[in-house]
Amino acid sequence: MDNKLACSANHCVHNMNNLCGAAKVQIKGGGTQTGDNTFCNTYAQRSVKNYFTEMSNMNVLGGITQIFSGHQAMDPQVACDAVNCTYNSNYVCGAQELKINGPSATVEQQTECQTFRPKS
């Protein structure tokens, strides 16, 4: 399933105007019961080295399409191991829109999935 993913991790190589430019995203959280213990495992701090390392996971076509069409075209596939989240279905995130928080993040553990909702 493709997801619209808003991201405030400004220092991430995948962040393009607060949208995620990665083709595939991995959210970690394991057995957590709260969103505080989730993070974006795809986060990579901006650097020349990481631009090259992460190039194979860049949604280049989505980014170009979005620039010229004005419509959100960056919609990564989101795998998630936060098994207690209501949106998790067989380790795939089923939320239509996701929000990753981490405006000051310099490492992946400083990000957080704000879309996490515990199963009832």
PDB file of N, CA and C in Angstrom:
ATOM      1  N   MET A   1       0.842  -1.175   0.000  1.00  0.00           N
ATOM      2  CA  MET A   1       0.000   0.000   0.000  1.00  0.00           C
ATOM      3  C   MET A   1       0.883   1.232   0.000  1.00  0.00           C
ATOM      4  N   ASP A   2       0.544   2.208  -0.800  1.00  0.00           N
ATOM      5  CA  ASP A   2       1.273   3.465  -0.829  1.00  0.00           C
ATOM      6  C   ASP A   2       0.636   4.431   0.157  1.00  0.00           C
ATOM      7  N   ASN A   3       1.468   5.263   0.775  1.00  0.00           N
ATOM      8  CA  ASN A   3       1.018   6.181   1.798  1.00  0.00           C
ATOM      9  C   ASN A   3       1.522   7.577   1.509  1.00  0.00           C
ATOM     10  N   LYS A   4       0.718   8.566   1.852  1.00  0.00           N
ATOM     11  CA  LYS A   4       1.181   9.943   1.834  1.00  0.00           C
ATOM     12  C   LYS A   4       1.912  10.151   3.149  1.00  0.00           C
ATOM     13  N   LEU A   5       3.157  10.589   3.098  1.00  0.00           N
ATOM     14  CA  LEU A   5       3.966  10.681   4.297  1.00  0.00           C
ATOM     15  C   LEU A   5       4.530  12.081   4.462  1.00  0.00           C
ATOM     16  N   ALA A   6       4.023  12.798   5.470  1.00  0.00           N
ATOM     17  CA  ALA A   6       4.552  14.107   5.834  1.00  0.00           C
ATOM     18  C   ALA A   6       5.651  13.879   6.858  1.00  0.00           C
ATOM     19  N   CYS A   7       6.724  14.633   6.742  1.00  0.00           N
ATOM     20  CA  CYS A   7       7.871  14.399   7.612  1.00  0.00           C
ATOM     21  C   CYS A   7       8.509  15.720   8.018  1.00  0.00           C
ATOM     22  N   SER A   8       8.725  15.870   9.325  1.00  0.00           N
ATOM     23  CA  SER A   8       9.385  17.082   9.816  1.00  0.00           C
ATOM     24  C   SER A   8      10.851  16.834  10.176  1.00  0.00           C
ATOM     25  N   ALA A   9      11.412  15.691   9.784  1.00  0.00           N
ATOM     26  CA  ALA A   9      12.833  15.396  10.040  1.00  0.00           C
ATOM     27  C   ALA A   9      13.660  16.170   9.015  1.00  0.00           C
ATOM     28  N   ASN A  10      13.860  17.434   9.301  1.00  0.00           N
ATOM     29  CA  ASN A  10      14.475  18.367   8.352  1.00  0.00           C
ATOM     30  C   ASN A  10      15.894  18.007   7.933  1.00  0.00           C
ATOM     31  N   HIS A  11      16.586  17.236   8.754  1.00  0.00           N
ATOM     32  CA  HIS A  11      17.976  16.895   8.453  1.00  0.00           C
ATOM     33  C   HIS A  11      18.115  15.558   7.736  1.00  0.00           C
ATOM     34  N   CYS A  12      16.985  14.961   7.353  1.00  0.00           N
ATOM     35  CA  CYS A  12      17.020  13.661   6.666  1.00  0.00           C
ATOM     36  C   CYS A  12      17.240  13.863   5.169  1.00  0.00           C
ATOM     37  N   VAL A  13      18.046  13.017   4.594  1.00  0.00           N
ATOM     38  CA  VAL A  13      18.358  13.068   3.169  1.00  0.00           C
ATOM     39  C   VAL A  13      17.102  12.870   2.310  1.00  0.00           C
ATOM     40  N   HIS A  14      16.086  12.194   2.859  1.00  0.00           N
ATOM     41  CA  HIS A  14      14.855  11.920   2.115  1.00  0.00           C
ATOM     42  C   HIS A  14      13.822  13.041   2.218  1.00  0.00           C
ATOM     43  N   ASN A  15      14.026  13.995   3.128  1.00  0.00           N
ATOM     44  CA  ASN A  15      13.041  15.058   3.337  1.00  0.00           C
ATOM     45  C   ASN A  15      13.100  16.063   2.189  1.00  0.00           C
ATOM     46  N   MET A  16      11.961  16.214   1.512  1.00  0.00           N
ATOM     47  CA  MET A  16      11.846  17.166   0.405  1.00  0.00           C
ATOM     48  C   MET A  16      10.641  18.054   0.693  1.00  0.00           C
ATOM     49  N   ASN A  17      10.907  19.236   1.244  1.00  0.00           N
ATOM     50  CA  ASN A  17       9.830  20.162   1.589  1.00  0.00           C
ATOM     51  C   ASN A  17       8.792  19.532   2.501  1.00  0.00           C
ATOM     52  N   ASN A  18       9.255  18.840   3.522  1.00  0.00           N
ATOM     53  CA  ASN A  18       8.419  18.177   4.535  1.00  0.00           C
ATOM     54  C   ASN A  18       7.607  17.001   4.008  1.00  0.00           C
ATOM     55  N   LEU A  19       8.027  16.446   2.894  1.00  0.00           N
ATOM     56  CA  LEU A  19       7.464  15.202   2.387  1.00  0.00           C
ATOM     57  C   LEU A  19       8.595  14.198   2.277  1.00  0.00           C
ATOM     58  N   CYS A  20       8.255  12.919   2.360  1.00  0.00           N
ATOM     59  CA  CYS A  20       9.287  11.891   2.287  1.00  0.00           C
ATOM     60  C   CYS A  20       9.551  11.507   0.837  1.00  0.00           C
ATOM     61  N   GLY A  21      10.802  11.604   0.430  1.00  0.00           N
ATOM     62  CA  GLY A  21      11.202  11.277  -0.929  1.00  0.00           C
ATOM     63  C   GLY A  21      11.742   9.866  -1.076  1.00  0.00           C
ATOM     64  N   ALA A  22      11.633   9.058  -0.016  1.00  0.00           N
ATOM     65  CA  ALA A  22      12.089   7.666  -0.111  1.00  0.00           C
ATOM     66  C   ALA A  22      11.037   6.832  -0.842  1.00  0.00           C
ATOM     67  N   ALA A  23      11.482   5.829  -1.538  1.00  0.00           N
ATOM     68  CA  ALA A  23      10.548   4.912  -2.210  1.00  0.00           C
ATOM     69  C   ALA A  23       9.960   3.925  -1.207  1.00  0.00           C
ATOM     70  N   LYS A  24      10.791   3.491  -0.258  1.00  0.00           N
ATOM     71  CA  LYS A  24      10.358   2.545   0.776  1.00  0.00           C
ATOM     72  C   LYS A  24      10.814   3.054   2.132  1.00  0.00           C
ATOM     73  N   VAL A  25       9.926   2.957   3.111  1.00  0.00           N
ATOM     74  CA  VAL A  25      10.205   3.432   4.463  1.00  0.00           C
ATOM     75  C   VAL A  25       9.973   2.289   5.435  1.00  0.00           C
ATOM     76  N   GLN A  26      10.826   2.199   6.448  1.00  0.00           N
ATOM     77  CA  GLN A  26      10.686   1.186   7.495  1.00  0.00           C
ATOM     78  C   GLN A  26      10.481   1.893   8.827  1.00  0.00           C
ATOM     79  N   ILE A  27       9.318   1.655   9.454  1.00  0.00           N
ATOM     80  CA  ILE A  27       9.035   2.191  10.780  1.00  0.00           C
ATOM     81  C   ILE A  27       9.303   1.092  11.801  1.00  0.00           C
ATOM     82  N   LYS A  28      10.029   1.428  12.836  1.00  0.00           N
ATOM     83  CA  LYS A  28      10.348   0.485  13.916  1.00  0.00           C
ATOM     84  C   LYS A  28       9.546   0.855  15.154  1.00  0.00           C
ATOM     85  N   GLY A  29       9.174  -0.156  15.906  1.00  0.00           N
ATOM     86  CA  GLY A  29       8.437   0.072  17.135  1.00  0.00           C
ATOM     87  C   GLY A  29       8.225  -1.199  17.928  1.00  0.00           C
ATOM     88  N   GLY A  30       8.410  -2.347  17.268  1.00  0.00           N
ATOM     89  CA  GLY A  30       8.273  -3.630  17.955  1.00  0.00           C
ATOM     90  C   GLY A  30       6.965  -3.747  18.715  1.00  0.00           C
ATOM     91  N   GLY A  31       7.037  -4.079  19.989  1.00  0.00           N
ATOM     92  CA  GLY A  31       5.851  -4.288  20.809  1.00  0.00           C
ATOM     93  C   GLY A  31       5.408  -3.068  21.586  1.00  0.00           C
ATOM     94  N   THR A  32       5.877  -1.877  21.200  1.00  0.00           N
ATOM     95  CA  THR A  32       5.519  -0.666  21.936  1.00  0.00           C
ATOM     96  C   THR A  32       4.000  -0.476  22.017  1.00  0.00           C
ATOM     97  N   GLN A  33       3.580   0.177  23.076  1.00  0.00           N
ATOM     98  CA  GLN A  33       2.169   0.513  23.268  1.00  0.00           C
ATOM     99  C   GLN A  33       1.918   1.995  23.004  1.00  0.00           C
ATOM    100  N   THR A  34       2.983   2.764  22.751  1.00  0.00           N
ATOM    101  CA  THR A  34       2.849   4.201  22.510  1.00  0.00           C
ATOM    102  C   THR A  34       3.700   4.610  21.311  1.00  0.00           C
ATOM    103  N   GLY A  35       3.323   5.707  20.716  1.00  0.00           N
ATOM    104  CA  GLY A  35       4.079   6.225  19.577  1.00  0.00           C
ATOM    105  C   GLY A  35       5.447   6.752  19.960  1.00  0.00           C
ATOM    106  N   ASP A  36       5.645   7.056  21.258  1.00  0.00           N
ATOM    107  CA  ASP A  36       6.929   7.580  21.721  1.00  0.00           C
ATOM    108  C   ASP A  36       8.082   6.632  21.429  1.00  0.00           C
ATOM    109  N   ASN A  37       7.780   5.353  21.308  1.00  0.00           N
ATOM    110  CA  ASN A  37       8.823   4.347  21.107  1.00  0.00           C
ATOM    111  C   ASN A  37       8.907   3.865  19.661  1.00  0.00           C
ATOM    112  N   THR A  38       8.388   4.658  18.746  1.00  0.00           N
ATOM    113  CA  THR A  38       8.495   4.337  17.321  1.00  0.00           C
ATOM    114  C   THR A  38       9.530   5.264  16.690  1.00  0.00           C
ATOM    115  N   PHE A  39      10.102   4.846  15.576  1.00  0.00           N
ATOM    116  CA  PHE A  39      11.012   5.728  14.855  1.00  0.00           C
ATOM    117  C   PHE A  39      11.130   5.284  13.406  1.00  0.00           C
ATOM    118  N   CYS A  40      11.590   6.205  12.580  1.00  0.00           N
ATOM    119  CA  CYS A  40      11.778   5.932  11.155  1.00  0.00           C
ATOM    120  C   CYS A  40      13.176   5.359  10.946  1.00  0.00           C
ATOM    121  N   ASN A  41      13.233   4.088  10.643  1.00  0.00           N
ATOM    122  CA  ASN A  41      14.506   3.402  10.449  1.00  0.00           C
ATOM    123  C   ASN A  41      15.155   3.774   9.108  1.00  0.00           C
ATOM    124  N   THR A  42      14.428   4.467   8.263  1.00  0.00           N
ATOM    125  CA  THR A  42      14.940   4.889   6.957  1.00  0.00           C
ATOM    126  C   THR A  42      15.672   6.225   7.061  1.00  0.00           C
ATOM    127  N   TYR A  43      15.514   6.924   8.174  1.00  0.00           N
ATOM    128  CA  TYR A  43      16.169   8.211   8.379  1.00  0.00           C
ATOM    129  C   TYR A  43      17.668   8.091   8.111  1.00  0.00           C
ATOM    130  N   ALA A  44      18.184   9.042   7.352  1.00  0.00           N
ATOM    131  CA  ALA A  44      19.628   9.151   7.109  1.00  0.00           C
ATOM    132  C   ALA A  44      19.970  10.637   7.086  1.00  0.00           C
ATOM    133  N   GLN A  45      20.855  11.047   7.961  1.00  0.00           N
ATOM    134  CA  GLN A  45      21.206  12.458   8.055  1.00  0.00           C
ATOM    135  C   GLN A  45      21.795  12.951   6.726  1.00  0.00           C
ATOM    136  N   ARG A  46      21.453  14.179   6.378  1.00  0.00           N
ATOM    137  CA  ARG A  46      21.938  14.742   5.115  1.00  0.00           C
ATOM    138  C   ARG A  46      23.451  14.844   5.125  1.00  0.00           C
ATOM    139  N   SER A  47      24.034  14.262   4.088  1.00  0.00           N
ATOM    140  CA  SER A  47      25.475  14.371   3.837  1.00  0.00           C
ATOM    141  C   SER A  47      25.692  13.889   2.412  1.00  0.00           C
ATOM    142  N   VAL A  48      26.806  14.264   1.827  1.00  0.00           N
ATOM    143  CA  VAL A  48      27.114  13.818   0.474  1.00  0.00           C
ATOM    144  C   VAL A  48      27.174  12.297   0.435  1.00  0.00           C
ATOM    145  N   LYS A  49      27.821  11.701   1.428  1.00  0.00           N
ATOM    146  CA  LYS A  49      27.915  10.243   1.484  1.00  0.00           C
ATOM    147  C   LYS A  49      26.527   9.596   1.509  1.00  0.00           C
ATOM    148  N   ASN A  50      25.622  10.111   2.358  1.00  0.00           N
ATOM    149  CA  ASN A  50      24.282   9.520   2.461  1.00  0.00           C
ATOM    150  C   ASN A  50      23.442   9.749   1.204  1.00  0.00           C
ATOM    151  N   TYR A  51      23.648  10.852   0.502  1.00  0.00           N
ATOM    152  CA  TYR A  51      22.934  11.042  -0.769  1.00  0.00           C
ATOM    153  C   TYR A  51      23.271   9.896  -1.724  1.00  0.00           C
ATOM    154  N   PHE A  52      24.543   9.536  -1.795  1.00  0.00           N
ATOM    155  CA  PHE A  52      24.945   8.439  -2.677  1.00  0.00           C
ATOM    156  C   PHE A  52      24.500   7.088  -2.127  1.00  0.00           C
ATOM    157  N   THR A  53      24.646   6.884  -0.816  1.00  0.00           N
ATOM    158  CA  THR A  53      24.257   5.618  -0.198  1.00  0.00           C
ATOM    159  C   THR A  53      22.763   5.359  -0.340  1.00  0.00           C
ATOM    160  N   GLU A  54      21.949   6.389  -0.203  1.00  0.00           N
ATOM    161  CA  GLU A  54      20.495   6.254  -0.211  1.00  0.00           C
ATOM    162  C   GLU A  54      19.871   6.429  -1.607  1.00  0.00           C
ATOM    163  N   MET A  55      20.682   6.677  -2.611  1.00  0.00           N
ATOM    164  CA  MET A  55      20.159   6.958  -3.949  1.00  0.00           C
ATOM    165  C   MET A  55      19.242   5.849  -4.476  1.00  0.00           C
ATOM    166  N   SER A  56      19.538   4.597  -4.162  1.00  0.00           N
ATOM    167  CA  SER A  56      18.712   3.500  -4.671  1.00  0.00           C
ATOM    168  C   SER A  56      17.321   3.485  -4.039  1.00  0.00           C
ATOM    169  N   ASN A  57      17.123   4.219  -2.937  1.00  0.00           N
ATOM    170  CA  ASN A  57      15.814   4.281  -2.285  1.00  0.00           C
ATOM    171  C   ASN A  57      15.132   5.632  -2.490  1.00  0.00           C
ATOM    172  N   MET A  58      15.602   6.417  -3.431  1.00  0.00           N
ATOM    173  CA  MET A  58      14.996   7.722  -3.715  1.00  0.00           C
ATOM    174  C   MET A  58      13.863   7.558  -4.729  1.00  0.00           C
ATOM    175  N   ASN A  59      12.745   8.214  -4.468  1.00  0.00           N
ATOM    176  CA  ASN A  59      11.611   8.211  -5.388  1.00  0.00           C
ATOM    177  C   ASN A  59      11.785   9.392  -6.349  1.00  0.00           C
ATOM    178  N   VAL A  60      12.717   9.260  -7.258  1.00  0.00           N
ATOM    179  CA  VAL A  60      13.056  10.344  -8.176  1.00  0.00           C
ATOM    180  C   VAL A  60      11.878  10.695  -9.078  1.00  0.00           C
ATOM    181  N   LEU A  61      11.233   9.702  -9.653  1.00  0.00           N
ATOM    182  CA  LEU A  61      10.092   9.953 -10.542  1.00  0.00           C
ATOM    183  C   LEU A  61       8.974  10.676  -9.803  1.00  0.00           C
ATOM    184  N   GLY A  62       8.682  10.256  -8.562  1.00  0.00           N
ATOM    185  CA  GLY A  62       7.648  10.915  -7.770  1.00  0.00           C
ATOM    186  C   GLY A  62       7.997  12.368  -7.497  1.00  0.00           C
ATOM    187  N   GLY A  63       9.256  12.631  -7.192  1.00  0.00           N
ATOM    188  CA  GLY A  63       9.700  14.001  -6.944  1.00  0.00           C
ATOM    189  C   GLY A  63       9.573  14.884  -8.161  1.00  0.00           C
ATOM    190  N   ILE A  64       9.984  14.385  -9.321  1.00  0.00           N
ATOM    191  CA  ILE A  64       9.884  15.156 -10.569  1.00  0.00           C
ATOM    192  C   ILE A  64       8.421  15.401 -10.922  1.00  0.00           C
ATOM    193  N   THR A  65       7.608  14.347 -10.808  1.00  0.00           N
ATOM    194  CA  THR A  65       6.177  14.478 -11.101  1.00  0.00           C
ATOM    195  C   THR A  65       5.550  15.539 -10.213  1.00  0.00           C
ATOM    196  N   GLN A  66       5.909  15.513  -8.938  1.00  0.00           N
ATOM    197  CA  GLN A  66       5.329  16.465  -7.995  1.00  0.00           C
ATOM    198  C   GLN A  66       5.730  17.897  -8.327  1.00  0.00           C
ATOM    199  N   ILE A  67       6.973  18.099  -8.712  1.00  0.00           N
ATOM    200  CA  ILE A  67       7.452  19.448  -9.050  1.00  0.00           C
ATOM    201  C   ILE A  67       6.646  20.030 -10.210  1.00  0.00           C
ATOM    202  N   PHE A  68       6.416  19.207 -11.241  1.00  0.00           N
ATOM    203  CA  PHE A  68       5.756  19.728 -12.442  1.00  0.00           C
ATOM    204  C   PHE A  68       4.241  19.701 -12.385  1.00  0.00           C
ATOM    205  N   SER A  69       3.672  18.831 -11.575  1.00  0.00           N
ATOM    206  CA  SER A  69       2.215  18.737 -11.536  1.00  0.00           C
ATOM    207  C   SER A  69       1.599  19.540 -10.396  1.00  0.00           C
ATOM    208  N   GLY A  70       2.382  19.784  -9.349  1.00  0.00           N
ATOM    209  CA  GLY A  70       1.853  20.477  -8.190  1.00  0.00           C
ATOM    210  C   GLY A  70       1.039  19.578  -7.271  1.00  0.00           C
ATOM    211  N   HIS A  71       0.910  18.298  -7.621  1.00  0.00           N
ATOM    212  CA  HIS A  71       0.174  17.343  -6.791  1.00  0.00           C
ATOM    213  C   HIS A  71       1.162  16.456  -6.051  1.00  0.00           C
ATOM    214  N   GLN A  72       0.763  16.023  -4.844  1.00  0.00           N
ATOM    215  CA  GLN A  72       1.638  15.144  -4.068  1.00  0.00           C
ATOM    216  C   GLN A  72       1.775  13.806  -4.772  1.00  0.00           C
ATOM    217  N   ALA A  73       2.981  13.495  -5.211  1.00  0.00           N
ATOM    218  CA  ALA A  73       3.249  12.254  -5.939  1.00  0.00           C
ATOM    219  C   ALA A  73       4.224  11.361  -5.195  1.00  0.00           C
ATOM    220  N   MET A  74       4.762  11.849  -4.095  1.00  0.00           N
ATOM    221  CA  MET A  74       5.695  11.040  -3.318  1.00  0.00           C
ATOM    222  C   MET A  74       4.887  10.262  -2.290  1.00  0.00           C
ATOM    223  N   ASP A  75       4.765   8.980  -2.505  1.00  0.00           N
ATOM    224  CA  ASP A  75       3.957   8.132  -1.629  1.00  0.00           C
ATOM    225  C   ASP A  75       4.671   6.802  -1.419  1.00  0.00           C
ATOM    226  N   PRO A  76       5.561   6.783  -0.419  1.00  0.00           N
ATOM    227  CA  PRO A  76       6.383   5.597  -0.204  1.00  0.00           C
ATOM    228  C   PRO A  76       5.598   4.385   0.297  1.00  0.00           C
ATOM    229  N   GLN A  77       6.133   3.217   0.029  1.00  0.00           N
ATOM    230  CA  GLN A  77       5.626   1.995   0.640  1.00  0.00           C
ATOM    231  C   GLN A  77       6.154   2.008   2.066  1.00  0.00           C
ATOM    232  N   VAL A  78       5.296   1.695   3.031  1.00  0.00           N
ATOM    233  CA  VAL A  78       5.704   1.778   4.430  1.00  0.00           C
ATOM    234  C   VAL A  78       5.571   0.422   5.117  1.00  0.00           C
ATOM    235  N   ALA A  79       6.720  -0.148   5.454  1.00  0.00           N
ATOM    236  CA  ALA A  79       6.758  -1.375   6.257  1.00  0.00           C
ATOM    237  C   ALA A  79       6.850  -0.940   7.720  1.00  0.00           C
ATOM    238  N   CYS A  80       6.208  -1.697   8.598  1.00  0.00           N
ATOM    239  CA  CYS A  80       6.178  -1.304   9.999  1.00  0.00           C
ATOM    240  C   CYS A  80       6.188  -2.531  10.895  1.00  0.00           C
ATOM    241  N   ASP A  81       7.062  -2.503  11.909  1.00  0.00           N
ATOM    242  CA  ASP A  81       7.066  -3.626  12.839  1.00  0.00           C
ATOM    243  C   ASP A  81       6.447  -3.264  14.196  1.00  0.00           C
ATOM    244  N   ALA A  82       5.752  -2.127  14.278  1.00  0.00           N
ATOM    245  CA  ALA A  82       5.028  -1.749  15.498  1.00  0.00           C
ATOM    246  C   ALA A  82       3.723  -2.545  15.520  1.00  0.00           C
ATOM    247  N   VAL A  83       3.810  -3.775  16.001  1.00  0.00           N
ATOM    248  CA  VAL A  83       2.700  -4.733  15.888  1.00  0.00           C
ATOM    249  C   VAL A  83       1.463  -4.352  16.692  1.00  0.00           C
ATOM    250  N   ASN A  84       1.601  -3.444  17.654  1.00  0.00           N
ATOM    251  CA  ASN A  84       0.447  -3.033  18.452  1.00  0.00           C
ATOM    252  C   ASN A  84      -0.238  -1.787  17.917  1.00  0.00           C
ATOM    253  N   CYS A  85       0.122  -1.357  16.718  1.00  0.00           N
ATOM    254  CA  CYS A  85      -0.524  -0.198  16.083  1.00  0.00           C
ATOM    255  C   CYS A  85      -1.740  -0.676  15.297  1.00  0.00           C
ATOM    256  N   THR A  86      -2.814   0.064  15.412  1.00  0.00           N
ATOM    257  CA  THR A  86      -4.053  -0.300  14.730  1.00  0.00           C
ATOM    258  C   THR A  86      -3.904  -0.314  13.208  1.00  0.00           C
ATOM    259  N   TYR A  87      -2.950   0.443  12.663  1.00  0.00           N
ATOM    260  CA  TYR A  87      -2.751   0.505  11.215  1.00  0.00           C
ATOM    261  C   TYR A  87      -1.868  -0.621  10.681  1.00  0.00           C
ATOM    262  N   ASN A  88      -1.210  -1.364  11.579  1.00  0.00           N
ATOM    263  CA  ASN A  88      -0.301  -2.419  11.152  1.00  0.00           C
ATOM    264  C   ASN A  88      -1.077  -3.659  10.721  1.00  0.00           C
ATOM    265  N   SER A  89      -0.868  -4.065   9.495  1.00  0.00           N
ATOM    266  CA  SER A  89      -1.491  -5.275   8.958  1.00  0.00           C
ATOM    267  C   SER A  89      -0.398  -6.115   8.305  1.00  0.00           C
ATOM    268  N   ASN A  90       0.010  -7.182   8.972  1.00  0.00           N
ATOM    269  CA  ASN A  90       1.074  -8.046   8.465  1.00  0.00           C
ATOM    270  C   ASN A  90       2.342  -7.265   8.154  1.00  0.00           C
ATOM    271  N   TYR A  91       2.729  -6.394   9.074  1.00  0.00           N
ATOM    272  CA  TYR A  91       3.957  -5.602   8.982  1.00  0.00           C
ATOM    273  C   TYR A  91       3.947  -4.572   7.853  1.00  0.00           C
ATOM    274  N   VAL A  92       2.762  -4.184   7.418  1.00  0.00           N
ATOM    275  CA  VAL A  92       2.606  -3.122   6.429  1.00  0.00           C
ATOM    276  C   VAL A  92       1.689  -2.066   7.037  1.00  0.00           C
ATOM    277  N   CYS A  93       2.054  -0.802   6.894  1.00  0.00           N
ATOM    278  CA  CYS A  93       1.230   0.278   7.428  1.00  0.00           C
ATOM    279  C   CYS A  93       0.046   0.519   6.504  1.00  0.00           C
ATOM    280  N   GLY A  94      -1.153   0.501   7.068  1.00  0.00           N
ATOM    281  CA  GLY A  94      -2.365   0.700   6.293  1.00  0.00           C
ATOM    282  C   GLY A  94      -2.949   2.095   6.409  1.00  0.00           C
ATOM    283  N   ALA A  95      -2.278   2.999   7.133  1.00  0.00           N
ATOM    284  CA  ALA A  95      -2.777   4.371   7.259  1.00  0.00           C
ATOM    285  C   ALA A  95      -2.656   5.080   5.911  1.00  0.00           C
ATOM    286  N   GLN A  96      -3.646   5.858   5.572  1.00  0.00           N
ATOM    287  CA  GLN A  96      -3.609   6.599   4.306  1.00  0.00           C
ATOM    288  C   GLN A  96      -2.625   7.762   4.349  1.00  0.00           C
ATOM    289  N   GLU A  97      -2.476   8.367   5.519  1.00  0.00           N
ATOM    290  CA  GLU A  97      -1.558   9.485   5.680  1.00  0.00           C
ATOM    291  C   GLU A  97      -0.749   9.274   6.942  1.00  0.00           C
ATOM    292  N   LEU A  98       0.548   9.453   6.843  1.00  0.00           N
ATOM    293  CA  LEU A  98       1.441   9.295   7.986  1.00  0.00           C
ATOM    294  C   LEU A  98       2.138  10.606   8.284  1.00  0.00           C
ATOM    295  N   LYS A  99       2.526  10.753   9.554  1.00  0.00           N
ATOM    296  CA  LYS A  99       3.275  11.932   9.980  1.00  0.00           C
ATOM    297  C   LYS A  99       4.454  11.456  10.814  1.00  0.00           C
ATOM    298  N   ILE A 100       5.646  11.764  10.345  1.00  0.00           N
ATOM    299  CA  ILE A 100       6.866  11.474  11.086  1.00  0.00           C
ATOM    300  C   ILE A 100       7.381  12.788  11.666  1.00  0.00           C
ATOM    301  N   ASN A 101       7.619  12.791  12.961  1.00  0.00           N
ATOM    302  CA  ASN A 101       8.095  13.982  13.654  1.00  0.00           C
ATOM    303  C   ASN A 101       9.576  13.823  13.978  1.00  0.00           C
ATOM    304  N   GLY A 102      10.298  14.918  13.930  1.00  0.00           N
ATOM    305  CA  GLY A 102      11.720  14.887  14.275  1.00  0.00           C
ATOM    306  C   GLY A 102      12.453  16.086  13.722  1.00  0.00           C
ATOM    307  N   PRO A 103      11.955  17.309  13.974  1.00  0.00           N
ATOM    308  CA  PRO A 103      12.583  18.488  13.362  1.00  0.00           C
ATOM    309  C   PRO A 103      14.040  18.699  13.732  1.00  0.00           C
ATOM    310  N   SER A 104      14.472  18.199  14.884  1.00  0.00           N
ATOM    311  CA  SER A 104      15.862  18.363  15.301  1.00  0.00           C
ATOM    312  C   SER A 104      16.645  17.063  15.216  1.00  0.00           C
ATOM    313  N   ALA A 105      16.035  16.021  14.678  1.00  0.00           N
ATOM    314  CA  ALA A 105      16.659  14.694  14.655  1.00  0.00           C
ATOM    315  C   ALA A 105      17.983  14.701  13.901  1.00  0.00           C
ATOM    316  N   THR A 106      18.943  14.018  14.505  1.00  0.00           N
ATOM    317  CA  THR A 106      20.228  13.793  13.829  1.00  0.00           C
ATOM    318  C   THR A 106      20.496  12.293  13.705  1.00  0.00           C
ATOM    319  N   VAL A 107      19.675  11.483  14.380  1.00  0.00           N
ATOM    320  CA  VAL A 107      19.729  10.029  14.272  1.00  0.00           C
ATOM    321  C   VAL A 107      18.296   9.508  14.219  1.00  0.00           C
ATOM    322  N   GLU A 108      18.110   8.312  13.688  1.00  0.00           N
ATOM    323  CA  GLU A 108      16.771   7.756  13.479  1.00  0.00           C
ATOM    324  C   GLU A 108      15.945   7.650  14.753  1.00  0.00           C
ATOM    325  N   GLN A 109      16.571   7.369  15.889  1.00  0.00           N
ATOM    326  CA  GLN A 109      15.836   7.216  17.146  1.00  0.00           C
ATOM    327  C   GLN A 109      15.243   8.522  17.658  1.00  0.00           C
ATOM    328  N   GLN A 110      15.611   9.645  17.062  1.00  0.00           N
ATOM    329  CA  GLN A 110      15.053  10.940  17.450  1.00  0.00           C
ATOM    330  C   GLN A 110      13.825  11.300  16.615  1.00  0.00           C
ATOM    331  N   THR A 111      13.402  10.390  15.747  1.00  0.00           N
ATOM    332  CA  THR A 111      12.170  10.590  14.985  1.00  0.00           C
ATOM    333  C   THR A 111      11.059   9.805  15.668  1.00  0.00           C
ATOM    334  N   GLU A 112       9.810  10.086  15.292  1.00  0.00           N
ATOM    335  CA  GLU A 112       8.669   9.411  15.908  1.00  0.00           C
ATOM    336  C   GLU A 112       7.511   9.359  14.928  1.00  0.00           C
ATOM    337  N   CYS A 113       6.840   8.205  14.883  1.00  0.00           N
ATOM    338  CA  CYS A 113       5.638   8.093  14.058  1.00  0.00           C
ATOM    339  C   CYS A 113       4.464   8.649  14.846  1.00  0.00           C
ATOM    340  N   GLN A 114       3.966   9.794  14.435  1.00  0.00           N
ATOM    341  CA  GLN A 114       2.846  10.419  15.143  1.00  0.00           C
ATOM    342  C   GLN A 114       1.512   9.830  14.718  1.00  0.00           C
ATOM    343  N   THR A 115       1.512   8.964  13.744  1.00  0.00           N
ATOM    344  CA  THR A 115       0.282   8.314  13.285  1.00  0.00           C
ATOM    345  C   THR A 115      -0.049   7.096  14.139  1.00  0.00           C
ATOM    346  N   PHE A 116       0.910   6.606  14.903  1.00  0.00           N
ATOM    347  CA  PHE A 116       0.712   5.411  15.737  1.00  0.00           C
ATOM    348  C   PHE A 116      -0.539   5.540  16.597  1.00  0.00           C
ATOM    349  N   ARG A 117      -1.392   4.557  16.528  1.00  0.00           N
ATOM    350  CA  ARG A 117      -2.579   4.455  17.392  1.00  0.00           C
ATOM    351  C   ARG A 117      -2.606   3.033  17.945  1.00  0.00           C
ATOM    352  N   PRO A 118      -2.644   2.892  19.283  1.00  0.00           N
ATOM    353  CA  PRO A 118      -2.633   1.547  19.858  1.00  0.00           C
ATOM    354  C   PRO A 118      -3.909   0.773  19.510  1.00  0.00           C
ATOM    355  N   LYS A 119      -3.737  -0.525  19.328  1.00  0.00           N
ATOM    356  CA  LYS A 119      -4.893  -1.385  19.106  1.00  0.00           C
ATOM    357  C   LYS A 119      -5.720  -1.416  20.381  1.00  0.00           C
ATOM    358  N   SER A 120      -7.050  -1.492  20.228  1.00  0.00           N
ATOM    359  CA  SER A 120      -7.900  -1.543  21.420  1.00  0.00           C
ATOM    360  C   SER A 120      -8.136  -2.947  21.875  1.00  0.00           C
TER     361      SER A 120
END
